[in-house]
Amino acid sequence: MSQKACVLGLGLMGSRAALRLTEKGQHVVAWNRTVLPPGNKIASVATLAPSPSEAVKNASAVLLFLHNADAVFETLLSSGASVSGGTKGAENGALLEATYAGDITPAKTT
């Protein structure tokens, strides 16, 4: 069984990470909050998932390129996406290790 990398968030950093992974022969499933423009290169090299929960299914690694903690919360928890314990990913380039989904909480608003 080949390993699958999941990229959530296809902005400037996420799209480049997804492209680089595919260039190295990695199977990539990606999701973005907004629809990608026609002719976007990622659509031709990666599998685009309709939801975060579909994107993370059976992923060996999940890379998060999301705007902030609220975006992480909304994407992973509110969508029903489930990342198993010990799965590692990157949030804006920083390593994120979630033991379970309860470790991720939204930022407090004042």
N, C-alpha and C. Protein backbone atom coordinates (compact mmCIF):
# COMPACT_ATOMS: atom_id res chain seq x y z
N MET A 1 0.84 -1.18 0.00
CA MET A 1 0.00 0.00 0.00
C MET A 1 0.89 1.25 0.00
N SER A 2 0.69 2.13 -0.95
CA SER A 2 1.50 3.34 -1.00
C SER A 2 1.02 4.34 0.04
N GLN A 3 1.95 5.15 0.51
CA GLN A 3 1.61 6.16 1.50
C GLN A 3 0.97 7.35 0.83
N LYS A 4 0.10 8.01 1.60
CA LYS A 4 -0.62 9.16 1.07
C LYS A 4 -0.34 10.36 1.97
N ALA A 5 0.01 11.47 1.37
CA ALA A 5 0.18 12.72 2.11
C ALA A 5 -1.05 13.58 1.86
N CYS A 6 -1.48 14.25 2.90
CA CYS A 6 -2.64 15.12 2.81
C CYS A 6 -2.18 16.56 3.06
N VAL A 7 -2.60 17.47 2.19
CA VAL A 7 -2.30 18.89 2.37
C VAL A 7 -3.62 19.62 2.51
N LEU A 8 -3.80 20.26 3.67
CA LEU A 8 -5.00 21.06 3.91
C LEU A 8 -4.60 22.53 3.84
N GLY A 9 -5.14 23.23 2.87
CA GLY A 9 -4.81 24.64 2.66
C GLY A 9 -3.86 24.79 1.49
N LEU A 10 -4.36 25.33 0.40
CA LEU A 10 -3.56 25.43 -0.83
C LEU A 10 -3.25 26.87 -1.20
N GLY A 11 -2.92 27.66 -0.19
CA GLY A 11 -2.45 29.02 -0.45
C GLY A 11 -1.02 28.97 -0.97
N LEU A 12 -0.29 30.03 -0.78
CA LEU A 12 1.08 30.13 -1.29
C LEU A 12 1.96 28.98 -0.79
N MET A 13 1.96 28.73 0.50
CA MET A 13 2.82 27.68 1.06
C MET A 13 2.27 26.27 0.80
N GLY A 14 0.98 26.06 1.02
CA GLY A 14 0.40 24.75 0.85
C GLY A 14 0.48 24.25 -0.57
N SER A 15 0.23 25.14 -1.53
CA SER A 15 0.28 24.72 -2.93
C SER A 15 1.70 24.33 -3.33
N ARG A 16 2.68 25.06 -2.84
CA ARG A 16 4.07 24.71 -3.17
C ARG A 16 4.48 23.40 -2.51
N ALA A 17 4.03 23.18 -1.29
CA ALA A 17 4.33 21.91 -0.61
C ALA A 17 3.71 20.75 -1.37
N ALA A 18 2.46 20.89 -1.79
CA ALA A 18 1.78 19.83 -2.53
C ALA A 18 2.50 19.54 -3.85
N LEU A 19 2.89 20.58 -4.55
CA LEU A 19 3.61 20.38 -5.82
C LEU A 19 4.94 19.69 -5.59
N ARG A 20 5.66 20.10 -4.58
CA ARG A 20 6.97 19.50 -4.29
C ARG A 20 6.83 18.02 -3.93
N LEU A 21 5.83 17.70 -3.13
CA LEU A 21 5.60 16.30 -2.77
C LEU A 21 5.29 15.45 -3.99
N THR A 22 4.47 15.97 -4.91
CA THR A 22 4.15 15.20 -6.11
C THR A 22 5.37 15.06 -7.01
N GLU A 23 6.21 16.09 -7.04
CA GLU A 23 7.45 16.01 -7.83
C GLU A 23 8.36 14.90 -7.32
N LYS A 24 8.28 14.62 -6.03
CA LYS A 24 9.08 13.56 -5.42
C LYS A 24 8.39 12.20 -5.48
N GLY A 25 7.26 12.14 -6.18
CA GLY A 25 6.57 10.87 -6.38
C GLY A 25 5.56 10.50 -5.31
N GLN A 26 5.28 11.42 -4.41
CA GLN A 26 4.32 11.16 -3.34
C GLN A 26 2.90 11.32 -3.84
N HIS A 27 2.01 10.42 -3.43
CA HIS A 27 0.58 10.57 -3.74
C HIS A 27 0.02 11.62 -2.78
N VAL A 28 -0.55 12.68 -3.31
CA VAL A 28 -1.06 13.79 -2.50
C VAL A 28 -2.56 13.96 -2.70
N VAL A 29 -3.26 14.04 -1.57
CA VAL A 29 -4.67 14.41 -1.58
C VAL A 29 -4.74 15.77 -0.91
N ALA A 30 -5.38 16.72 -1.56
CA ALA A 30 -5.39 18.09 -1.06
C ALA A 30 -6.82 18.62 -0.92
N TRP A 31 -6.97 19.58 -0.04
CA TRP A 31 -8.25 20.26 0.16
C TRP A 31 -7.96 21.74 0.36
N ASN A 32 -8.84 22.56 -0.17
CA ASN A 32 -8.75 24.00 0.03
C ASN A 32 -10.14 24.54 0.35
N ARG A 33 -10.18 25.55 1.20
CA ARG A 33 -11.44 26.16 1.61
C ARG A 33 -12.20 26.74 0.42
N THR A 34 -11.48 27.33 -0.52
CA THR A 34 -12.11 27.93 -1.69
C THR A 34 -11.78 27.10 -2.94
N VAL A 35 -12.58 27.25 -3.95
CA VAL A 35 -12.39 26.54 -5.21
C VAL A 35 -11.14 27.07 -5.90
N LEU A 36 -10.32 26.16 -6.42
CA LEU A 36 -9.12 26.57 -7.13
C LEU A 36 -9.51 27.13 -8.50
N PRO A 37 -8.76 28.13 -8.98
CA PRO A 37 -9.07 28.69 -10.29
C PRO A 37 -8.83 27.69 -11.41
N PRO A 38 -9.54 27.83 -12.52
CA PRO A 38 -9.34 26.92 -13.66
C PRO A 38 -7.88 26.92 -14.11
N GLY A 39 -7.38 25.75 -14.46
CA GLY A 39 -6.01 25.65 -14.93
C GLY A 39 -4.97 25.57 -13.82
N ASN A 40 -5.39 25.52 -12.56
CA ASN A 40 -4.45 25.44 -11.45
C ASN A 40 -3.68 24.12 -11.56
N LYS A 41 -2.36 24.19 -11.47
CA LYS A 41 -1.51 23.02 -11.67
C LYS A 41 -1.77 21.91 -10.64
N ILE A 42 -2.13 22.28 -9.44
CA ILE A 42 -2.34 21.27 -8.39
C ILE A 42 -3.45 20.29 -8.79
N ALA A 43 -4.47 20.80 -9.43
CA ALA A 43 -5.59 19.95 -9.85
C ALA A 43 -5.14 18.86 -10.82
N SER A 44 -4.05 19.09 -11.52
CA SER A 44 -3.58 18.09 -12.48
C SER A 44 -2.58 17.10 -11.88
N VAL A 45 -2.05 17.38 -10.70
CA VAL A 45 -1.04 16.48 -10.12
C VAL A 45 -1.46 15.86 -8.79
N ALA A 46 -2.47 16.41 -8.14
CA ALA A 46 -2.94 15.89 -6.85
C ALA A 46 -4.42 15.56 -6.94
N THR A 47 -4.88 14.73 -6.04
CA THR A 47 -6.29 14.44 -5.93
C THR A 47 -6.91 15.50 -5.04
N LEU A 48 -7.95 16.19 -5.53
CA LEU A 48 -8.62 17.21 -4.73
C LEU A 48 -9.80 16.58 -4.01
N ALA A 49 -9.81 16.71 -2.70
CA ALA A 49 -10.89 16.14 -1.88
C ALA A 49 -11.99 17.17 -1.69
N PRO A 50 -13.24 16.70 -1.59
CA PRO A 50 -14.36 17.63 -1.41
C PRO A 50 -14.48 18.19 0.01
N SER A 51 -13.79 17.56 0.97
CA SER A 51 -13.87 18.01 2.36
C SER A 51 -12.59 17.63 3.10
N PRO A 52 -12.31 18.31 4.21
CA PRO A 52 -11.14 17.93 5.01
C PRO A 52 -11.23 16.49 5.51
N SER A 53 -12.42 16.06 5.91
CA SER A 53 -12.55 14.69 6.43
C SER A 53 -12.23 13.65 5.36
N GLU A 54 -12.59 13.91 4.12
CA GLU A 54 -12.24 13.00 3.02
C GLU A 54 -10.74 13.06 2.74
N ALA A 55 -10.17 14.24 2.83
CA ALA A 55 -8.75 14.40 2.52
C ALA A 55 -7.85 13.64 3.50
N VAL A 56 -8.19 13.63 4.77
CA VAL A 56 -7.31 13.01 5.77
C VAL A 56 -7.47 11.50 5.90
N LYS A 57 -8.50 10.93 5.28
CA LYS A 57 -8.71 9.48 5.38
C LYS A 57 -7.48 8.73 4.90
N ASN A 58 -6.99 7.84 5.75
CA ASN A 58 -5.86 6.96 5.43
C ASN A 58 -4.57 7.70 5.07
N ALA A 59 -4.42 8.93 5.51
CA ALA A 59 -3.20 9.68 5.21
C ALA A 59 -2.07 9.24 6.14
N SER A 60 -0.89 9.14 5.59
CA SER A 60 0.30 8.84 6.38
C SER A 60 0.81 10.09 7.06
N ALA A 61 0.58 11.23 6.43
CA ALA A 61 1.00 12.52 6.98
C ALA A 61 -0.04 13.57 6.58
N VAL A 62 -0.30 14.48 7.50
CA VAL A 62 -1.24 15.57 7.24
C VAL A 62 -0.50 16.88 7.45
N LEU A 63 -0.41 17.67 6.40
CA LEU A 63 0.23 18.97 6.47
C LEU A 63 -0.84 20.05 6.48
N LEU A 64 -0.79 20.91 7.49
CA LEU A 64 -1.77 21.98 7.62
C LEU A 64 -1.13 23.31 7.27
N PHE A 65 -1.65 23.94 6.25
CA PHE A 65 -1.20 25.27 5.86
C PHE A 65 -2.41 26.19 5.95
N LEU A 66 -2.79 26.46 7.19
CA LEU A 66 -4.00 27.21 7.48
C LEU A 66 -3.64 28.52 8.18
N HIS A 67 -4.53 29.47 8.11
CA HIS A 67 -4.24 30.85 8.52
C HIS A 67 -3.91 30.99 10.00
N ASN A 68 -4.68 30.34 10.88
CA ASN A 68 -4.47 30.52 12.32
C ASN A 68 -5.16 29.38 13.07
N ALA A 69 -5.12 29.45 14.40
CA ALA A 69 -5.71 28.39 15.22
C ALA A 69 -7.20 28.22 14.96
N ASP A 70 -7.90 29.32 14.74
CA ASP A 70 -9.33 29.22 14.44
C ASP A 70 -9.58 28.45 13.15
N ALA A 71 -8.74 28.68 12.15
CA ALA A 71 -8.87 27.95 10.88
C ALA A 71 -8.58 26.47 11.07
N VAL A 72 -7.60 26.15 11.91
CA VAL A 72 -7.30 24.75 12.22
C VAL A 72 -8.50 24.11 12.91
N PHE A 73 -9.05 24.79 13.90
CA PHE A 73 -10.21 24.29 14.63
C PHE A 73 -11.37 24.06 13.68
N GLU A 74 -11.69 25.04 12.88
CA GLU A 74 -12.81 24.95 11.95
C GLU A 74 -12.61 23.81 10.95
N THR A 75 -11.41 23.72 10.42
CA THR A 75 -11.12 22.71 9.39
C THR A 75 -11.14 21.30 9.95
N LEU A 76 -10.47 21.08 11.07
CA LEU A 76 -10.36 19.72 11.59
C LEU A 76 -11.55 19.29 12.43
N LEU A 77 -11.96 20.12 13.37
CA LEU A 77 -12.98 19.69 14.31
C LEU A 77 -14.39 19.90 13.79
N SER A 78 -14.68 21.06 13.27
CA SER A 78 -16.04 21.33 12.81
C SER A 78 -16.42 20.54 11.57
N SER A 79 -15.43 20.16 10.78
CA SER A 79 -15.72 19.41 9.56
C SER A 79 -15.87 17.92 9.83
N GLY A 80 -15.49 17.49 11.02
CA GLY A 80 -15.52 16.07 11.32
C GLY A 80 -14.27 15.34 10.91
N ALA A 81 -13.24 16.07 10.46
CA ALA A 81 -11.98 15.43 10.09
C ALA A 81 -11.36 14.83 11.34
N SER A 82 -10.84 13.64 11.21
CA SER A 82 -10.25 12.95 12.35
C SER A 82 -8.82 12.59 12.04
N VAL A 83 -7.91 13.07 12.89
CA VAL A 83 -6.50 12.75 12.75
C VAL A 83 -6.14 11.87 13.93
N SER A 84 -5.62 10.68 13.67
CA SER A 84 -5.33 9.74 14.74
C SER A 84 -4.17 10.22 15.59
N GLY A 85 -4.10 9.72 16.81
CA GLY A 85 -3.07 10.12 17.76
C GLY A 85 -1.67 9.97 17.20
N GLY A 86 -0.84 10.96 17.44
CA GLY A 86 0.53 10.93 17.00
C GLY A 86 0.75 11.36 15.57
N THR A 87 -0.31 11.65 14.82
CA THR A 87 -0.14 12.12 13.44
C THR A 87 0.51 13.49 13.48
N LYS A 88 1.53 13.68 12.67
CA LYS A 88 2.25 14.95 12.67
C LYS A 88 1.94 15.71 11.41
N GLY A 89 1.92 17.04 11.52
CA GLY A 89 1.68 17.89 10.37
C GLY A 89 2.36 19.23 10.58
N ALA A 90 2.19 20.12 9.66
CA ALA A 90 2.79 21.44 9.80
C ALA A 90 1.71 22.49 9.72
N GLU A 91 1.73 23.42 10.63
CA GLU A 91 0.82 24.56 10.60
C GLU A 91 1.67 25.78 10.34
N ASN A 92 1.55 26.33 9.14
CA ASN A 92 2.36 27.47 8.72
C ASN A 92 3.85 27.22 8.97
N GLY A 93 4.28 26.01 8.65
CA GLY A 93 5.70 25.68 8.73
C GLY A 93 6.15 25.19 10.09
N ALA A 94 5.33 25.29 11.12
CA ALA A 94 5.70 24.83 12.46
C ALA A 94 5.16 23.43 12.67
N LEU A 95 5.94 22.59 13.33
CA LEU A 95 5.51 21.22 13.57
C LEU A 95 4.34 21.19 14.54
N LEU A 96 3.34 20.42 14.20
CA LEU A 96 2.15 20.26 15.04
C LEU A 96 1.96 18.78 15.29
N GLU A 97 1.89 18.39 16.53
CA GLU A 97 1.60 16.99 16.84
C GLU A 97 0.39 16.97 17.75
N ALA A 98 -0.68 16.39 17.27
CA ALA A 98 -1.92 16.32 18.05
C ALA A 98 -2.07 14.91 18.59
N THR A 99 -2.11 14.78 19.91
CA THR A 99 -2.32 13.48 20.51
C THR A 99 -3.75 13.04 20.23
N TYR A 100 -4.67 13.94 20.31
CA TYR A 100 -6.06 13.70 19.93
C TYR A 100 -6.67 15.05 19.61
N ALA A 101 -7.80 15.04 18.95
CA ALA A 101 -8.40 16.28 18.46
C ALA A 101 -8.66 17.27 19.58
N GLY A 102 -8.85 16.80 20.81
CA GLY A 102 -9.09 17.70 21.93
C GLY A 102 -7.92 18.61 22.23
N ASP A 103 -6.73 18.32 21.69
CA ASP A 103 -5.57 19.18 21.90
C ASP A 103 -5.68 20.50 21.16
N ILE A 104 -6.54 20.55 20.15
CA ILE A 104 -6.64 21.75 19.32
C ILE A 104 -7.87 22.54 19.75
N THR A 105 -7.65 23.73 20.23
CA THR A 105 -8.76 24.59 20.64
C THR A 105 -8.66 25.92 19.93
N PRO A 106 -9.79 26.57 19.66
CA PRO A 106 -9.74 27.83 18.94
C PRO A 106 -9.16 28.94 19.82
N ALA A 107 -8.61 29.95 19.17
CA ALA A 107 -8.09 31.10 19.90
C ALA A 107 -9.24 31.83 20.56
N LYS A 108 -8.98 32.38 21.74
CA LYS A 108 -10.03 33.13 22.43
C LYS A 108 -10.15 34.52 21.82
N THR A 109 -11.37 34.96 21.65
CA THR A 109 -11.60 36.30 21.13
C THR A 109 -11.93 37.21 22.29
N THR A 110 -11.51 38.45 22.19
CA THR A 110 -11.77 39.39 23.29
C THR A 110 -12.77 40.42 22.87
